[in-house]
Protein backbone atom coordinates (compact mmCIF):
# COMPACT_ATOMS: atom_id res chain seq x y z
CA MET A 1 -12.10 1.11 -9.95
CA THR A 2 -10.95 -2.40 -9.10
CA ASP A 3 -11.13 -5.24 -11.59
CA ALA A 4 -9.70 -8.12 -9.45
CA LEU A 5 -12.12 -9.65 -6.89
CA PHE A 6 -11.93 -12.76 -4.89
CA THR A 7 -14.20 -14.06 -2.03
CA VAL A 8 -13.53 -16.75 0.40
CA THR A 9 -15.06 -18.12 3.65
CA ALA A 10 -13.24 -18.62 6.83
CA PRO A 11 -15.23 -20.84 9.16
CA ASP A 12 -13.12 -20.15 12.29
CA GLU A 13 -10.19 -18.32 13.79
CA GLU A 14 -7.68 -20.96 12.47
CA ALA A 15 -8.79 -20.33 8.96
CA MET A 16 -8.52 -16.54 9.47
CA VAL A 17 -4.90 -17.06 10.56
CA ALA A 18 -4.22 -19.45 7.57
CA LEU A 19 -5.57 -16.64 5.25
CA GLY A 20 -3.27 -14.14 6.65
CA ALA A 21 -0.41 -16.51 6.42
CA ARG A 22 -1.43 -17.23 2.69
CA VAL A 23 -1.36 -13.53 1.76
CA ALA A 24 2.06 -13.12 3.57
CA ALA A 25 3.45 -16.01 1.47
CA VAL A 26 2.77 -14.16 -1.77
CA CYS A 27 3.25 -10.47 -0.66
CA GLU A 28 5.86 -8.32 -2.04
CA PRO A 29 7.73 -5.32 -0.46
CA GLY A 30 5.78 -2.02 -0.71
CA LEU A 31 2.40 -3.81 -0.37
CA VAL A 32 -0.30 -1.87 1.38
CA VAL A 33 -3.17 -3.99 2.71
CA PHE A 34 -6.45 -2.38 3.96
CA LEU A 35 -8.49 -4.54 6.40
CA GLU A 36 -12.10 -3.38 6.66
CA GLY A 37 -14.97 -4.73 8.72
CA ASN A 38 -16.90 -4.22 11.89
CA LEU A 39 -15.44 -4.72 15.38
CA GLY A 40 -14.67 -8.36 16.12
CA MET A 41 -14.53 -9.51 12.54
CA GLY A 42 -11.00 -10.90 12.70
CA LYS A 43 -8.80 -8.10 11.33
CA THR A 44 -6.14 -8.49 14.04
CA THR A 45 -6.53 -12.36 13.83
CA PHE A 46 -5.70 -12.20 10.08
CA SER A 47 -2.83 -9.83 10.83
CA ARG A 48 -1.49 -12.23 13.48
CA GLY A 49 -1.45 -15.04 10.84
CA PHE A 50 0.38 -12.67 8.30
CA ILE A 51 3.04 -11.44 10.81
CA ARG A 52 3.72 -14.84 12.36
CA SER A 53 4.10 -16.55 8.92
CA LEU A 54 6.92 -14.14 8.16
CA GLY A 55 8.88 -15.32 11.22
CA HIS A 56 7.51 -13.33 14.19
CA SER A 57 7.25 -15.62 17.23
CA GLY A 58 5.88 -13.27 19.96
CA ALA A 59 2.44 -11.83 20.55
CA VAL A 60 0.80 -9.90 17.78
CA LYS A 61 -1.53 -7.51 19.50
CA SER A 62 -3.83 -4.76 18.08
CA PRO A 63 -2.04 -1.40 18.20
CA THR A 64 -5.36 0.22 19.04
CA TYR A 65 -3.70 2.71 21.52
CA THR A 66 -0.22 3.08 19.91
CA LEU A 67 -1.71 3.25 16.28
CA VAL A 68 1.17 1.25 14.85
CA GLU A 69 3.23 -1.82 15.85
CA PRO A 70 6.46 -2.32 13.87
CA TYR A 71 8.02 -5.85 13.14
CA GLN A 72 11.47 -6.20 11.54
CA LEU A 73 11.16 -9.61 9.89
CA GLY A 74 14.32 -10.43 7.95
CA GLY A 75 14.92 -7.74 5.27
CA LEU A 76 11.32 -6.64 5.44
CA GLU A 77 9.70 -4.14 7.71
CA VAL A 78 5.94 -4.86 8.59
CA PHE A 79 3.89 -2.12 10.09
CA HIS A 80 0.55 -3.05 11.60
CA PHE A 81 -1.78 -0.13 12.04
CA ASP A 82 -5.11 0.12 13.91
CA LEU A 83 -6.82 3.43 13.26
CA TYR A 84 -9.99 2.64 15.26
CA ARG A 85 -9.31 5.28 17.86
CA LEU A 86 -7.99 7.91 15.37
CA GLU A 87 -9.91 11.14 15.91
CA ASP A 88 -8.62 13.01 12.86
CA PRO A 89 -6.56 11.89 9.86
CA GLU A 90 -4.25 14.87 10.42
CA GLU A 91 -2.88 13.00 13.58
CA LEU A 92 -1.38 10.60 11.05
CA GLU A 93 0.60 13.44 9.58
CA PHE A 94 2.04 14.44 12.99
CA MET A 95 3.31 10.98 13.53
CA GLY A 96 5.04 11.01 10.19
CA ILE A 97 2.87 8.47 8.43
CA ARG A 98 4.51 8.74 5.08
CA ASP A 99 7.71 7.30 6.60
CA TYR A 100 6.08 3.99 7.10
CA PHE A 101 5.10 3.41 3.59
CA GLY A 102 8.20 2.33 1.66
CA ASP A 103 9.65 0.06 -0.94
CA MET A 104 10.96 -2.34 1.74
CA SER A 105 7.87 -2.30 3.96
CA VAL A 106 4.58 -3.88 4.09
CA CYS A 107 1.75 -2.19 5.88
CA LEU A 108 -1.43 -3.74 7.25
CA VAL A 109 -4.01 -1.07 8.10
CA GLU A 110 -7.09 -1.75 10.18
CA TRP A 111 -9.99 0.86 9.87
CA PRO A 112 -8.32 2.63 6.87
CA LYS A 113 -11.32 4.83 6.27
CA ARG A 114 -10.43 6.72 9.43
CA GLY A 115 -7.12 7.73 7.78
CA LEU A 116 -8.50 8.93 4.49
CA GLY A 117 -6.60 11.67 2.90
CA ALA A 118 -3.43 10.76 4.98
CA LEU A 119 -2.90 7.22 3.82
CA PRO A 120 -1.74 6.07 0.37
CA LEU A 121 -4.06 3.88 -1.75
CA GLY A 122 -4.46 0.38 -0.44
CA ASP A 123 -3.04 -2.24 -3.02
CA LEU A 124 -5.13 -4.95 -1.61
CA VAL A 125 -8.43 -4.13 0.21
CA ILE A 126 -9.91 -7.06 2.33
CA ASN A 127 -13.48 -6.58 3.56
CA ILE A 128 -14.35 -9.00 6.45
CA ALA A 129 -17.95 -9.67 7.31
CA GLN A 130 -20.00 -12.20 9.38
CA GLN A 131 -21.14 -15.15 7.58
CA GLY A 132 -22.99 -17.58 9.95
CA LEU A 133 -20.47 -18.47 12.68
CA GLY A 134 -17.56 -17.65 10.30
CA ARG A 135 -16.32 -14.85 8.07
CA ARG A 136 -16.56 -13.87 4.56
CA LEU A 137 -13.50 -12.02 3.23
CA MET A 138 -13.78 -10.18 -0.09
CA PHE A 139 -10.44 -9.39 -1.61
CA GLU A 140 -10.13 -6.37 -4.08
CA ALA A 141 -6.93 -5.61 -5.86
CA ALA A 142 -6.90 -1.93 -6.29
CA THR A 143 -3.51 -1.40 -7.98
CA GLU A 144 -1.22 -3.29 -10.22
CA ARG A 145 0.75 -4.54 -7.11
CA GLY A 146 -2.48 -5.81 -5.59
CA ARG A 147 -3.38 -7.55 -8.83
CA ARG A 148 -0.03 -9.39 -8.85
CA VAL A 149 -0.37 -10.46 -5.15
CA LEU A 150 -3.97 -11.67 -5.63
CA ALA A 151 -2.94 -13.55 -8.86
CA ARG A 152 -0.18 -15.27 -6.96
CA MET A 153 -2.55 -16.05 -4.08
CA LEU A 154 -4.94 -17.74 -6.45
CA THR A 155 -2.41 -19.61 -8.62
CA GLU A 156 0.51 -20.58 -6.54
CA PRO A 157 0.31 -23.71 -4.33
CA ALA A 158 -0.21 -22.97 -0.60
CA ALA A 159 2.83 -23.97 1.48
């Protein structure tokens, strides 16, 4: 059961990118972020803000067909997963899923429910839903690491 919740509204794409960057600014190695929501809710847009704010200057595309896109950003490995097309969580075992989740990596996982049983627990679960023309993001800290990251997000000044 989670005990740390926070909800925020993103009125547009720029705000979604900024929220991704905000989480990246306070993340720590080993963090696992689950991104939940229907198609078109902005999971990849959030991820783009997160990844670019850590120093990536190229395109950030959804790894819908490759399942994972790796980024080496300084001393941190960021893995962006999109499990939308995953047929069976066992497919993740065949690709060596456990090797991606380490002490010096951060993993962003879109459609995490499709990988149940093969994925570790998400530290931070972000549910994105439509709210008017914008989006409502509900952050849930499911682990101690998630609680630390969420607390920093709420208390440290934005850059």
